[in-house]
C-alpha atoms as a PDB file:
ATOM      1  CA  MET A   1      -9.536  72.044 -47.385  1.00  0.00           C
ATOM      2  CA  LYS A   2      -9.067  69.548 -44.558  1.00  0.00           C
ATOM      3  CA  ALA A   3      -6.762  70.537 -41.686  1.00  0.00           C
ATOM      4  CA  LEU A   4      -4.329  67.991 -40.259  1.00  0.00           C
ATOM      5  CA  LYS A   5      -3.618  68.199 -36.535  1.00  0.00           C
ATOM      6  CA  VAL A   6      -0.545  67.329 -34.496  1.00  0.00           C
ATOM      7  CA  GLN A   7      -1.630  64.569 -32.105  1.00  0.00           C
ATOM      8  CA  ALA A   8       0.848  64.796 -29.226  1.00  0.00           C
ATOM      9  CA  GLY A   9       3.860  66.611 -27.836  1.00  0.00           C
ATOM     10  CA  LYS A  10       4.823  70.261 -27.586  1.00  0.00           C
ATOM     11  CA  LEU A  11       2.909  71.186 -30.763  1.00  0.00           C
ATOM     12  CA  LYS A  12      -0.227  69.184 -29.924  1.00  0.00           C
ATOM     13  CA  GLY A  13      -3.317  70.647 -31.556  1.00  0.00           C
ATOM     14  CA  LYS A  14      -1.425  72.665 -34.172  1.00  0.00           C
ATOM     15  CA  SER A  15      -3.120  72.485 -37.557  1.00  0.00           C
ATOM     16  CA  ILE A  16      -1.634  72.393 -41.025  1.00  0.00           C
ATOM     17  CA  GLU A  17      -3.511  72.372 -44.290  1.00  0.00           C
ATOM     18  CA  THR A  18      -3.488  69.456 -46.681  1.00  0.00           C
ATOM     19  CA  PRO A  19      -1.075  70.162 -49.529  1.00  0.00           C
ATOM     20  CA  ILE A  20      -2.082  71.515 -52.890  1.00  0.00           C
ATOM     21  CA  ALA A  21      -2.884  68.734 -55.348  1.00  0.00           C
ATOM     22  CA  VAL A  22      -0.094  67.898 -57.783  1.00  0.00           C
ATOM     23  CA  ALA A  23      -1.318  66.507 -61.112  1.00  0.00           C
ATOM     24  CA  GLY A  24      -4.694  65.965 -59.459  1.00  0.00           C
ATOM     25  CA  ASN A  25      -3.205  63.960 -56.585  1.00  0.00           C
ATOM     26  CA  THR A  26      -3.746  64.634 -52.899  1.00  0.00           C
ATOM     27  CA  ASN A  27      -1.396  63.637 -50.123  1.00  0.00           C
ATOM     28  CA  PHE A  28      -2.140  63.034 -46.466  1.00  0.00           C
ATOM     29  CA  THR A  29      -1.852  60.202 -43.973  1.00  0.00           C
ATOM     30  CA  PRO A  30      -4.981  59.140 -42.023  1.00  0.00           C
ATOM     31  CA  ALA A  31      -4.867  60.109 -38.359  1.00  0.00           C
ATOM     32  CA  ILE A  32      -5.212  56.512 -37.177  1.00  0.00           C
ATOM     33  CA  LEU A  33      -2.322  55.340 -39.353  1.00  0.00           C
ATOM     34  CA  LYS A  34      -0.171  58.196 -38.069  1.00  0.00           C
ATOM     35  CA  LYS A  35      -1.069  57.238 -34.503  1.00  0.00           C
ATOM     36  CA  SER A  36      -0.052  53.636 -35.181  1.00  0.00           C
ATOM     37  CA  VAL A  37       3.370  54.742 -36.444  1.00  0.00           C
ATOM     38  CA  PHE A  38       4.051  56.779 -33.333  1.00  0.00           C
ATOM     39  CA  ASP A  39       2.646  54.119 -31.003  1.00  0.00           C
ATOM     40  CA  ILE A  40       5.294  51.786 -32.420  1.00  0.00           C
ATOM     41  CA  VAL A  41       7.933  54.501 -32.072  1.00  0.00           C
ATOM     42  CA  GLY A  42       6.854  54.949 -28.443  1.00  0.00           C
ATOM     43  CA  SER A  43       7.195  51.214 -27.859  1.00  0.00           C
ATOM     44  CA  LEU A  44      10.741  51.325 -29.222  1.00  0.00           C
ATOM     45  CA  VAL A  45      11.526  54.153 -26.813  1.00  0.00           C
ATOM     46  CA  LEU A  46      10.172  52.144 -23.867  1.00  0.00           C
ATOM     47  CA  LYS A  47      12.208  49.119 -24.940  1.00  0.00           C
ATOM     48  CA  GLY A  48      15.381  51.223 -25.043  1.00  0.00           C
ATOM     49  CA  ARG A  49      15.789  50.816 -28.797  1.00  0.00           C
ATOM     50  CA  LEU A  50      15.358  54.529 -29.481  1.00  0.00           C
ATOM     51  CA  ILE A  51      16.338  57.756 -27.718  1.00  0.00           C
ATOM     52  CA  LEU A  52      14.313  60.524 -29.339  1.00  0.00           C
ATOM     53  CA  GLU A  53      16.675  63.309 -28.277  1.00  0.00           C
ATOM     54  CA  LYS A  54      19.462  61.610 -30.258  1.00  0.00           C
ATOM     55  CA  SER A  55      17.414  60.444 -33.241  1.00  0.00           C
ATOM     56  CA  VAL A  56      16.340  61.741 -36.641  1.00  0.00           C
ATOM     57  CA  PHE A  57      12.977  61.210 -38.354  1.00  0.00           C
ATOM     58  CA  VAL A  58      13.254  61.061 -42.142  1.00  0.00           C
ATOM     59  CA  ASP A  59      10.089  61.694 -44.167  1.00  0.00           C
ATOM     60  CA  PHE A  60      10.344  60.682 -47.838  1.00  0.00           C
ATOM     61  CA  PHE A  61       7.621  61.949 -50.221  1.00  0.00           C
ATOM     62  CA  ALA A  62       6.782  64.382 -47.423  1.00  0.00           C
ATOM     63  CA  GLY A  63       3.719  66.073 -48.941  1.00  0.00           C
ATOM     64  CA  SER A  64       2.046  68.010 -46.124  1.00  0.00           C
ATOM     65  CA  GLY A  65       4.950  67.361 -43.748  1.00  0.00           C
ATOM     66  CA  GLN A  66       2.558  66.226 -41.027  1.00  0.00           C
ATOM     67  CA  MET A  67       4.548  63.098 -40.159  1.00  0.00           C
ATOM     68  CA  ALA A  68       7.793  65.022 -39.675  1.00  0.00           C
ATOM     69  CA  LEU A  69       5.992  67.754 -37.748  1.00  0.00           C
ATOM     70  CA  GLU A  70       4.495  65.102 -35.466  1.00  0.00           C
ATOM     71  CA  ALA A  71       7.988  63.672 -34.940  1.00  0.00           C
ATOM     72  CA  MET A  72       9.347  67.128 -34.127  1.00  0.00           C
ATOM     73  CA  SER A  73       6.517  67.706 -31.664  1.00  0.00           C
ATOM     74  CA  ARG A  74       7.195  64.401 -29.928  1.00  0.00           C
ATOM     75  CA  GLY A  75      10.859  65.157 -29.316  1.00  0.00           C
ATOM     76  CA  PHE A  76      13.005  63.877 -32.181  1.00  0.00           C
ATOM     77  CA  ALA A  77      16.316  65.737 -32.282  1.00  0.00           C
ATOM     78  CA  ARG A  78      15.934  66.523 -35.982  1.00  0.00           C
ATOM     79  CA  VAL A  79      13.635  65.890 -38.932  1.00  0.00           C
ATOM     80  CA  VAL A  80      14.606  65.529 -42.592  1.00  0.00           C
ATOM     81  CA  LEU A  81      12.054  65.846 -45.386  1.00  0.00           C
ATOM     82  CA  TYR A  82      12.262  65.002 -49.082  1.00  0.00           C
ATOM     83  CA  GLU A  83       9.631  66.507 -51.379  1.00  0.00           C
ATOM     84  CA  LEU A  84      10.136  66.857 -55.125  1.00  0.00           C
ATOM     85  CA  ALA A  85       7.205  69.162 -55.978  1.00  0.00           C
ATOM     86  CA  TRP A  86       8.319  72.814 -56.017  1.00  0.00           C
ATOM     87  CA  GLU A  87       5.263  74.376 -54.384  1.00  0.00           C
ATOM     88  CA  ARG A  88       5.010  71.705 -51.711  1.00  0.00           C
ATOM     89  CA  SER A  89       8.689  71.935 -50.779  1.00  0.00           C
ATOM     90  CA  ASP A  90       8.424  75.728 -50.528  1.00  0.00           C
ATOM     91  CA  ASN A  91       5.369  75.398 -48.288  1.00  0.00           C
ATOM     92  CA  LEU A  92       7.245  72.929 -46.093  1.00  0.00           C
ATOM     93  CA  ARG A  93      10.087  75.409 -45.582  1.00  0.00           C
ATOM     94  CA  LYS A  94       7.625  78.099 -44.531  1.00  0.00           C
ATOM     95  CA  LEU A  95       5.834  75.704 -42.184  1.00  0.00           C
ATOM     96  CA  PHE A  96       8.866  74.322 -40.366  1.00  0.00           C
ATOM     97  CA  ALA A  97      10.555  77.716 -40.056  1.00  0.00           C
ATOM     98  CA  LYS A  98       7.759  78.635 -37.634  1.00  0.00           C
ATOM     99  CA  PHE A  99       8.654  75.926 -35.143  1.00  0.00           C
ATOM    100  CA  SER A 100      12.329  74.956 -35.108  1.00  0.00           C
ATOM    101  CA  ASP A 101      15.772  75.158 -36.674  1.00  0.00           C
ATOM    102  CA  ASN A 102      16.272  71.402 -36.367  1.00  0.00           C
ATOM    103  CA  TYR A 103      14.988  70.438 -39.790  1.00  0.00           C
ATOM    104  CA  GLU A 104      16.260  69.898 -43.312  1.00  0.00           C
ATOM    105  CA  ILE A 105      14.132  69.981 -46.456  1.00  0.00           C
ATOM    106  CA  SER A 106      15.449  68.675 -49.772  1.00  0.00           C
ATOM    107  CA  ARG A 107      13.800  68.943 -53.159  1.00  0.00           C
ATOM    108  CA  LYS A 108      15.221  65.737 -54.617  1.00  0.00           C
ATOM    109  CA  ASP A 109      14.027  62.553 -56.272  1.00  0.00           C
ATOM    110  CA  VAL A 110      14.305  59.959 -53.516  1.00  0.00           C
ATOM    111  CA  PHE A 111      14.859  57.094 -55.946  1.00  0.00           C
ATOM    112  CA  ARG A 112      17.836  58.851 -57.546  1.00  0.00           C
ATOM    113  CA  PHE A 113      19.510  60.093 -54.381  1.00  0.00           C
ATOM    114  CA  TYR A 114      18.787  57.606 -51.589  1.00  0.00           C
ATOM    115  CA  ASN A 115      22.224  55.992 -51.944  1.00  0.00           C
ATOM    116  CA  LYS A 116      23.805  59.428 -51.456  1.00  0.00           C
ATOM    117  CA  LEU A 117      22.053  60.290 -48.215  1.00  0.00           C
ATOM    118  CA  ASP A 118      24.133  62.224 -45.704  1.00  0.00           C
ATOM    119  CA  ILE A 119      22.331  61.741 -42.408  1.00  0.00           C
ATOM    120  CA  PRO A 120      24.908  61.539 -39.597  1.00  0.00           C
ATOM    121  CA  GLU A 121      22.645  60.577 -36.698  1.00  0.00           C
ATOM    122  CA  LYS A 122      23.299  57.144 -35.203  1.00  0.00           C
ATOM    123  CA  SER A 123      19.589  56.453 -34.733  1.00  0.00           C
ATOM    124  CA  LYS A 124      17.105  56.862 -37.602  1.00  0.00           C
ATOM    125  CA  ILE A 125      13.405  56.318 -38.283  1.00  0.00           C
ATOM    126  CA  TYR A 126      12.171  56.431 -41.889  1.00  0.00           C
ATOM    127  CA  PHE A 127       8.628  57.022 -43.126  1.00  0.00           C
ATOM    128  CA  LEU A 128       7.686  56.705 -46.791  1.00  0.00           C
ATOM    129  CA  ASP A 129       4.379  57.555 -48.465  1.00  0.00           C
ATOM    130  CA  PRO A 130       5.108  57.184 -52.198  1.00  0.00           C
ATOM    131  CA  PRO A 131       2.440  58.232 -54.709  1.00  0.00           C
ATOM    132  CA  TYR A 132      -0.058  55.414 -54.905  1.00  0.00           C
ATOM    133  CA  SER A 133       0.453  55.209 -58.687  1.00  0.00           C
ATOM    134  CA  PHE A 134       4.019  54.026 -57.973  1.00  0.00           C
ATOM    135  CA  TRP A 135       2.766  50.706 -56.656  1.00  0.00           C
ATOM    136  CA  ASP A 136       1.780  49.551 -60.147  1.00  0.00           C
ATOM    137  CA  LYS A 137       5.251  49.819 -61.667  1.00  0.00           C
ATOM    138  CA  LYS A 138       7.712  50.801 -58.940  1.00  0.00           C
ATOM    139  CA  LYS A 139       6.972  48.328 -56.152  1.00  0.00           C
ATOM    140  CA  GLU A 140      10.396  46.706 -56.515  1.00  0.00           C
ATOM    141  CA  LYS A 141      12.135  50.090 -56.518  1.00  0.00           C
ATOM    142  CA  ILE A 142      10.398  50.907 -53.245  1.00  0.00           C
ATOM    143  CA  LYS A 143      11.523  47.570 -51.798  1.00  0.00           C
ATOM    144  CA  SER A 144      15.107  48.172 -52.966  1.00  0.00           C
ATOM    145  CA  LEU A 145      15.058  51.546 -51.231  1.00  0.00           C
ATOM    146  CA  LEU A 146      13.852  49.982 -47.977  1.00  0.00           C
ATOM    147  CA  ASP A 147      16.436  47.199 -48.194  1.00  0.00           C
ATOM    148  CA  PHE A 148      19.168  49.801 -48.646  1.00  0.00           C
ATOM    149  CA  LEU A 149      17.997  51.751 -45.592  1.00  0.00           C
ATOM    150  CA  LEU A 150      17.823  48.604 -43.459  1.00  0.00           C
ATOM    151  CA  LYS A 151      21.444  47.733 -44.251  1.00  0.00           C
ATOM    152  CA  ASP A 152      22.428  50.738 -42.143  1.00  0.00           C
ATOM    153  CA  ASP A 153      22.839  49.718 -38.496  1.00  0.00           C
ATOM    154  CA  ALA A 154      21.684  53.212 -37.527  1.00  0.00           C
ATOM    155  CA  THR A 155      18.246  52.543 -39.018  1.00  0.00           C
ATOM    156  CA  VAL A 156      15.934  51.544 -36.166  1.00  0.00           C
ATOM    157  CA  ALA A 157      12.749  51.117 -38.223  1.00  0.00           C
ATOM    158  CA  VAL A 158      11.202  51.837 -41.609  1.00  0.00           C
ATOM    159  CA  PHE A 159       7.511  52.511 -42.259  1.00  0.00           C
ATOM    160  CA  VAL A 160       5.761  52.709 -45.616  1.00  0.00           C
ATOM    161  CA  GLN A 161       2.171  53.676 -46.425  1.00  0.00           C
ATOM    162  CA  SER A 162       0.505  52.041 -49.423  1.00  0.00           C
ATOM    163  CA  PRO A 163      -2.828  51.128 -51.057  1.00  0.00           C
ATOM    164  CA  ILE A 164      -1.920  47.426 -51.055  1.00  0.00           C
ATOM    165  CA  ASP A 165      -0.289  44.836 -48.832  1.00  0.00           C
ATOM    166  CA  PRO A 166       3.087  44.351 -50.559  1.00  0.00           C
ATOM    167  CA  ASN A 167       3.577  40.948 -48.877  1.00  0.00           C
ATOM    168  CA  TRP A 168       7.270  41.459 -48.206  1.00  0.00           C
ATOM    169  CA  SER A 169       9.111  38.852 -46.166  1.00  0.00           C
ATOM    170  CA  GLY A 170      10.287  40.174 -42.808  1.00  0.00           C
ATOM    171  CA  PHE A 171       7.800  43.059 -42.818  1.00  0.00           C
ATOM    172  CA  GLU A 172       4.442  43.386 -41.085  1.00  0.00           C
ATOM    173  CA  ALA A 173       1.455  44.988 -42.805  1.00  0.00           C
ATOM    174  CA  ARG A 174      -1.550  46.442 -40.989  1.00  0.00           C
ATOM    175  CA  LYS A 175      -4.702  47.655 -42.717  1.00  0.00           C
ATOM    176  CA  PHE A 176      -6.443  50.935 -41.922  1.00  0.00           C
ATOM    177  CA  GLY A 177      -9.471  51.446 -44.131  1.00  0.00           C
ATOM    178  CA  LYS A 178      -8.152  51.504 -47.695  1.00  0.00           C
ATOM    179  CA  ASN A 179      -4.570  52.067 -46.572  1.00  0.00           C
ATOM    180  CA  PHE A 180      -1.815  49.762 -45.379  1.00  0.00           C
ATOM    181  CA  LEU A 181       1.055  50.477 -43.013  1.00  0.00           C
ATOM    182  CA  THR A 182       3.969  48.151 -43.704  1.00  0.00           C
ATOM    183  CA  PHE A 183       6.984  48.288 -41.419  1.00  0.00           C
ATOM    184  CA  ARG A 184      10.084  46.557 -40.169  1.00  0.00           C
ATOM    185  CA  VAL A 185      12.130  47.081 -37.034  1.00  0.00           C
ATOM    186  CA  ASN A 186      15.785  46.494 -37.801  1.00  0.00           C
ATOM    187  CA  GLY A 187      17.191  43.371 -36.184  1.00  0.00           C
ATOM    188  CA  VAL A 188      13.783  42.176 -34.952  1.00  0.00           C
ATOM    189  CA  GLY A 189      12.284  39.087 -36.547  1.00  0.00           C
ATOM    190  CA  ASP A 190       8.889  39.075 -34.800  1.00  0.00           C
ATOM    191  CA  VAL A 191       7.075  42.401 -34.707  1.00  0.00           C
ATOM    192  CA  SER A 192       3.676  40.956 -33.825  1.00  0.00           C
ATOM    193  CA  ARG A 193       3.873  42.194 -30.226  1.00  0.00           C
ATOM    194  CA  LEU A 194       4.334  45.818 -31.190  1.00  0.00           C
ATOM    195  CA  PRO A 195       1.305  48.072 -30.561  1.00  0.00           C
ATOM    196  CA  ASN A 196      -1.623  47.539 -32.915  1.00  0.00           C
ATOM    197  CA  GLU A 197      -4.888  49.363 -33.461  1.00  0.00           C
ATOM    198  CA  ASN A 198      -8.315  47.790 -33.083  1.00  0.00           C
ATOM    199  CA  ALA A 199      -9.832  47.813 -36.555  1.00  0.00           C
ATOM    200  CA  SER A 200     -13.250  48.622 -35.083  1.00  0.00           C
ATOM    201  CA  GLU A 201     -11.906  51.979 -33.907  1.00  0.00           C
ATOM    202  CA  ILE A 202     -11.163  53.207 -37.415  1.00  0.00           C
ATOM    203  CA  SER A 203     -13.277  56.261 -38.105  1.00  0.00           C
ATOM    204  CA  GLU A 204     -15.690  56.144 -41.015  1.00  0.00           C
ATOM    205  CA  ASP A 205     -13.979  58.872 -42.983  1.00  0.00           C
ATOM    206  CA  ILE A 206     -10.748  56.870 -43.213  1.00  0.00           C
ATOM    207  CA  SER A 207     -12.181  54.947 -46.149  1.00  0.00           C
ATOM    208  CA  SER A 208     -12.206  58.102 -48.242  1.00  0.00           C
ATOM    209  CA  PHE A 209      -8.531  58.868 -47.660  1.00  0.00           C
ATOM    210  CA  HIS A 210      -6.052  58.260 -50.456  1.00  0.00           C
ATOM    211  CA  GLN A 211      -8.698  57.553 -53.064  1.00  0.00           C
ATOM    212  CA  ASN A 212      -6.503  59.753 -55.206  1.00  0.00           C
ATOM    213  CA  GLU A 213      -2.826  59.011 -55.656  1.00  0.00           C
ATOM    214  CA  ASP A 214      -0.270  60.536 -53.309  1.00  0.00           C
END
């Protein structure tokens, strides 16, 4: 089983295992895609758009929890995780209890409960990695969820991982092997100057990630 490592911050080097497959599906985010997310987050901090110590990182379809754990390590005030699978959500509680009290884990269907979110922080970052099978029939539901989140002035940015470029207006998509990172910074029309990765630096094993559905 592949170990996933925290890349930076107070928990740098900590390893967590990839989650148990659910219905034959695996779930983890490639290291280079994760780095790109947090490079953009770091840019927002430098630009004064985000104060980590006052912000929350929300991880929908959390799976291994590595994105939220990375956010915790890098200094976010709190992390919130949504994971519907019983065994995965239980494993997440055990994992995060080792490191902090500043977390919340909910076993809820994101699509049914996103309009009932109770996240009081005035500065929010969202990351979504829906099962890749969702993109065949639920692409519009994913977009509706993102649109709802972006209506909140407290939302600084939303990130979504996918097997395709959804070609959404106002969003930027970047390709990493067989995966795409699509994102939007709230209130910013041109995101082309935000940090990007050189495609030539993508490690060879990235292409094997997410061959199964999330």
